[in-house]
């Protein structure tokens, strides 16, 4: 994953130097490409912190930002993002399953507003609609089958940073990479299995998200 992240960062940085045009001929970026906001579509890989989780899980989503005000060669922006996050898990008590989460986040960010390369960083507050499909498991050396699904709504907080390269001369269309950390509430999974009894466990949903996508500034 570290190699993947480094590749994306190097690609976006070098793209600025490999694409020569007249967008950088104004000293200090006078006017700094004032925009109303930005929208984007993206795909991502989620890397869960807890040892209960399996390999990186793919997902995707979209965002929209509105620039509240334009200061200091950039914008303070507020936005919303929504996406899908999946994954497979095996808890300490042997509960196996798949998760489906749809986090809806309210984001506050500072973004530079060059018409070539931009960066941003911010915080978010998320509300996660989560479903946990129990596919089976083992408890005290006794195996059991599927046990249906359980749902939860999890409140979380995010910290994120991104880097964008604008590949059109009008500075509107771009490609970006974003790194996001999410800390959310810990759900409880409670089962009552015939012949075994009550089995329960907690599931750590903290995760890193590595995102690549396309953006449009309007």
Protein backbone atom coordinates (compact mmCIF):
# COMPACT_ATOMS: atom_id res chain seq x y z
CA UNK A 1 0.00 0.00 0.00
CA UNK A 2 2.89 2.36 0.75
CA UNK A 3 4.25 1.83 -2.77
CA UNK A 4 0.80 2.58 -4.23
CA UNK A 5 0.52 5.80 -2.24
CA UNK A 6 4.04 6.91 -3.20
CA UNK A 7 3.33 6.22 -6.89
CA UNK A 8 0.21 8.39 -6.88
CA UNK A 9 1.97 11.27 -5.12
CA UNK A 10 4.93 11.17 -7.50
CA UNK A 11 2.59 11.04 -10.50
CA UNK A 12 0.68 14.14 -9.44
CA UNK A 13 3.81 16.09 -8.58
CA UNK A 14 5.65 15.25 -11.78
CA UNK A 15 2.58 15.92 -13.92
CA UNK A 16 2.89 19.60 -13.11
CA UNK A 17 6.40 19.79 -14.51
CA UNK A 18 5.79 17.61 -17.55
CA UNK A 19 2.83 19.61 -18.85
CA UNK A 20 4.09 23.00 -20.08
CA UNK A 21 1.59 25.67 -21.01
CA UNK A 22 0.79 29.31 -20.24
CA UNK A 23 -1.06 28.75 -16.97
CA UNK A 24 1.90 29.58 -14.73
CA UNK A 25 3.12 32.81 -16.37
CA UNK A 26 1.38 35.09 -13.85
CA UNK A 27 3.43 35.85 -10.74
CA UNK A 28 1.85 34.72 -7.45
CA UNK A 29 -1.05 33.28 -9.39
CA UNK A 30 -2.91 36.61 -9.54
CA UNK A 31 -6.63 35.98 -9.26
CA UNK A 32 -5.86 32.40 -8.25
CA UNK A 33 -8.64 30.83 -10.29
CA UNK A 34 -11.61 31.87 -8.18
CA UNK A 35 -14.36 29.25 -8.34
CA UNK A 36 -17.71 28.59 -6.72
CA UNK A 37 -16.82 25.02 -5.80
CA UNK A 38 -15.85 21.54 -6.91
CA UNK A 39 -17.46 18.15 -7.54
CA UNK A 40 -15.82 14.78 -8.01
CA UNK A 41 -16.17 11.04 -8.51
CA UNK A 42 -13.72 8.54 -7.06
CA UNK A 43 -12.77 4.98 -6.26
CA UNK A 44 -10.92 3.91 -3.15
CA UNK A 45 -9.31 1.12 -1.17
CA UNK A 46 -10.09 0.86 2.55
CA UNK A 47 -7.42 -0.38 4.94
CA UNK A 48 -8.93 -1.25 8.34
CA UNK A 49 -6.75 -0.80 11.42
CA UNK A 50 -8.19 -3.71 13.43
CA UNK A 51 -6.70 -7.18 13.02
CA UNK A 52 -10.21 -8.58 12.54
CA UNK A 53 -10.32 -7.40 8.94
CA UNK A 54 -9.13 -9.04 5.74
CA UNK A 55 -7.44 -7.57 2.69
CA UNK A 56 -8.01 -4.09 1.28
CA UNK A 57 -11.60 -3.59 0.17
CA UNK A 58 -12.57 -1.53 -2.90
CA UNK A 59 -15.34 1.05 -2.95
CA UNK A 60 -16.27 4.40 -4.45
CA UNK A 61 -18.36 7.52 -4.16
CA UNK A 62 -18.78 11.21 -4.91
CA UNK A 63 -18.38 14.63 -3.28
CA UNK A 64 -19.44 18.24 -3.75
CA UNK A 65 -17.83 21.32 -2.20
CA UNK A 66 -18.93 24.94 -2.06
CA UNK A 67 -16.36 27.68 -1.45
CA UNK A 68 -17.48 29.76 1.54
CA UNK A 69 -14.84 32.42 0.98
CA UNK A 70 -11.66 32.90 -0.99
CA UNK A 71 -8.63 34.02 1.03
CA UNK A 72 -4.90 33.41 1.27
CA UNK A 73 -4.56 32.06 -2.28
CA UNK A 74 -7.20 29.46 -1.62
CA UNK A 75 -10.70 28.62 -0.46
CA UNK A 76 -12.32 27.63 2.78
CA UNK A 77 -14.90 25.11 1.57
CA UNK A 78 -17.76 23.11 3.00
CA UNK A 79 -18.95 19.96 1.33
CA UNK A 80 -20.62 16.59 1.52
CA UNK A 81 -19.38 13.19 0.43
CA UNK A 82 -21.08 9.82 0.20
CA UNK A 83 -19.62 6.46 -0.72
CA UNK A 84 -19.64 2.71 -0.24
CA UNK A 85 -17.21 0.86 2.01
CA UNK A 86 -17.03 -2.93 2.22
CA UNK A 87 -14.91 -5.57 3.89
CA UNK A 88 -14.70 -9.03 5.40
CA UNK A 89 -14.00 -9.72 9.07
CA UNK A 90 -13.40 -12.45 11.63
CA UNK A 91 -13.79 -11.28 15.24
CA UNK A 92 -11.82 -12.52 18.24
CA UNK A 93 -14.75 -14.79 19.17
CA UNK A 94 -14.77 -16.35 15.70
CA UNK A 95 -17.71 -14.48 14.15
CA UNK A 96 -17.22 -14.23 10.38
CA UNK A 97 -19.02 -11.84 8.09
CA UNK A 98 -19.09 -9.11 5.50
CA UNK A 99 -19.76 -5.45 6.11
CA UNK A 100 -21.48 -2.88 3.91
CA UNK A 101 -21.18 0.75 5.02
CA UNK A 102 -22.50 3.89 3.37
CA UNK A 103 -20.93 6.86 5.19
CA UNK A 104 -22.41 10.31 4.58
CA UNK A 105 -19.90 12.97 5.64
CA UNK A 106 -20.02 16.73 6.16
CA UNK A 107 -16.56 18.10 5.38
CA UNK A 108 -14.76 21.38 6.09
CA UNK A 109 -11.53 21.97 4.18
CA UNK A 110 -8.98 24.53 3.10
CA UNK A 111 -8.06 24.18 -0.58
CA UNK A 112 -5.51 26.04 -2.62
CA UNK A 113 -6.91 27.37 -5.88
CA UNK A 114 -4.13 27.32 -8.45
CA UNK A 115 -5.15 26.35 -11.96
CA UNK A 116 -2.38 23.72 -12.19
CA UNK A 117 -1.76 21.83 -8.93
CA UNK A 118 -3.82 22.07 -5.74
CA UNK A 119 -3.72 20.60 -2.27
CA UNK A 120 -6.31 20.44 0.48
CA UNK A 121 -6.73 19.28 4.05
CA UNK A 122 -9.66 19.20 6.43
CA UNK A 123 -11.90 17.40 8.87
CA UNK A 124 -15.22 15.66 8.44
CA UNK A 125 -18.13 14.39 10.52
CA UNK A 126 -19.71 11.21 9.22
CA UNK A 127 -22.88 9.21 9.74
CA UNK A 128 -22.37 5.60 8.69
CA UNK A 129 -25.24 3.33 7.69
CA UNK A 130 -23.74 -0.11 8.31
CA UNK A 131 -24.93 -3.67 7.69
CA UNK A 132 -23.09 -6.75 8.93
CA UNK A 133 -23.89 -10.02 7.14
CA UNK A 134 -22.93 -12.92 9.41
CA UNK A 135 -21.67 -15.71 7.16
CA UNK A 136 -20.77 -18.20 9.91
CA UNK A 137 -18.09 -18.82 12.48
CA UNK A 138 -16.64 -21.02 15.17
CA UNK A 139 -17.18 -20.84 18.92
CA UNK A 140 -15.51 -23.21 21.41
CA UNK A 141 -14.51 -25.46 18.50
CA UNK A 142 -18.12 -25.65 17.32
CA UNK A 143 -18.84 -24.37 13.81
CA UNK A 144 -22.09 -22.65 12.82
CA UNK A 145 -23.56 -21.30 9.59
CA UNK A 146 -25.03 -18.01 8.40
CA UNK A 147 -26.91 -16.01 11.02
CA UNK A 148 -28.55 -13.25 8.97
CA UNK A 149 -27.70 -9.55 9.08
CA UNK A 150 -27.42 -6.86 11.71
CA UNK A 151 -27.49 -3.13 11.12
CA UNK A 152 -26.11 -0.10 12.93
CA UNK A 153 -25.75 3.65 12.53
CA UNK A 154 -22.28 4.81 13.49
CA UNK A 155 -21.15 8.39 14.09
CA UNK A 156 -17.57 9.13 13.11
CA UNK A 157 -14.96 11.82 12.57
CA UNK A 158 -12.55 12.08 9.63
CA UNK A 159 -9.21 13.74 8.90
CA UNK A 160 -8.11 14.00 5.28
CA UNK A 161 -5.62 15.52 2.86
CA UNK A 162 -5.54 15.54 -0.92
CA UNK A 163 -3.49 16.54 -3.93
CA UNK A 164 -4.89 17.44 -7.37
CA UNK A 165 -3.49 18.04 -10.84
CA UNK A 166 -5.62 20.07 -13.27
CA UNK A 167 -5.01 18.82 -16.80
CA UNK A 168 -7.07 21.34 -18.81
CA UNK A 169 -5.90 24.86 -19.59
CA UNK A 170 -9.03 26.43 -18.14
CA UNK A 171 -8.17 24.83 -14.79
CA UNK A 172 -11.49 23.06 -14.40
CA UNK A 173 -10.90 19.32 -14.93
CA UNK A 174 -8.46 17.41 -12.80
CA UNK A 175 -7.35 14.13 -11.27
CA UNK A 176 -6.67 13.76 -7.56
CA UNK A 177 -5.46 11.51 -4.79
CA UNK A 178 -6.84 11.76 -1.25
CA UNK A 179 -5.86 10.08 1.99
CA UNK A 180 -8.55 9.87 4.71
CA UNK A 181 -8.62 8.48 8.23
CA UNK A 182 -11.98 7.62 9.82
CA UNK A 183 -12.67 6.94 13.48
CA UNK A 184 -16.23 5.83 14.17
CA UNK A 185 -18.26 4.20 16.90
CA UNK A 186 -17.58 0.54 17.67
CA UNK A 187 -20.59 -1.68 16.83
CA UNK A 188 -21.57 -4.70 18.90
CA UNK A 189 -22.44 -7.95 17.12
CA UNK A 190 -24.76 -10.10 19.22
CA UNK A 191 -25.81 -13.61 18.19
CA UNK A 192 -28.02 -16.25 19.79
CA UNK A 193 -27.06 -19.48 18.05
CA UNK A 194 -29.10 -22.65 18.40
CA UNK A 195 -27.11 -25.31 20.24
CA UNK A 196 -24.36 -22.86 21.20
CA UNK A 197 -26.03 -19.94 22.95
CA UNK A 198 -25.09 -16.28 23.09
CA UNK A 199 -22.03 -15.10 21.18
CA UNK A 200 -21.05 -11.46 20.97
CA UNK A 201 -18.11 -9.30 20.02
CA UNK A 202 -17.11 -5.75 19.15
CA UNK A 203 -15.79 -4.68 15.78
CA UNK A 204 -13.29 -1.87 15.29
CA UNK A 205 -14.26 0.10 12.17
CA UNK A 206 -11.34 2.56 12.19
CA UNK A 207 -9.86 2.72 8.71
CA UNK A 208 -7.61 4.49 6.25
CA UNK A 209 -8.98 5.23 2.82
CA UNK A 210 -6.82 5.72 -0.27
CA UNK A 211 -8.78 7.52 -2.96
CA UNK A 212 -8.14 8.27 -6.65
CA UNK A 213 -10.66 10.21 -8.73
CA UNK A 214 -11.59 12.98 -11.14
CA UNK A 215 -12.71 16.49 -10.23
CA UNK A 216 -14.46 19.41 -11.88
CA UNK A 217 -14.30 23.03 -10.69
CA UNK A 218 -17.27 25.28 -11.45
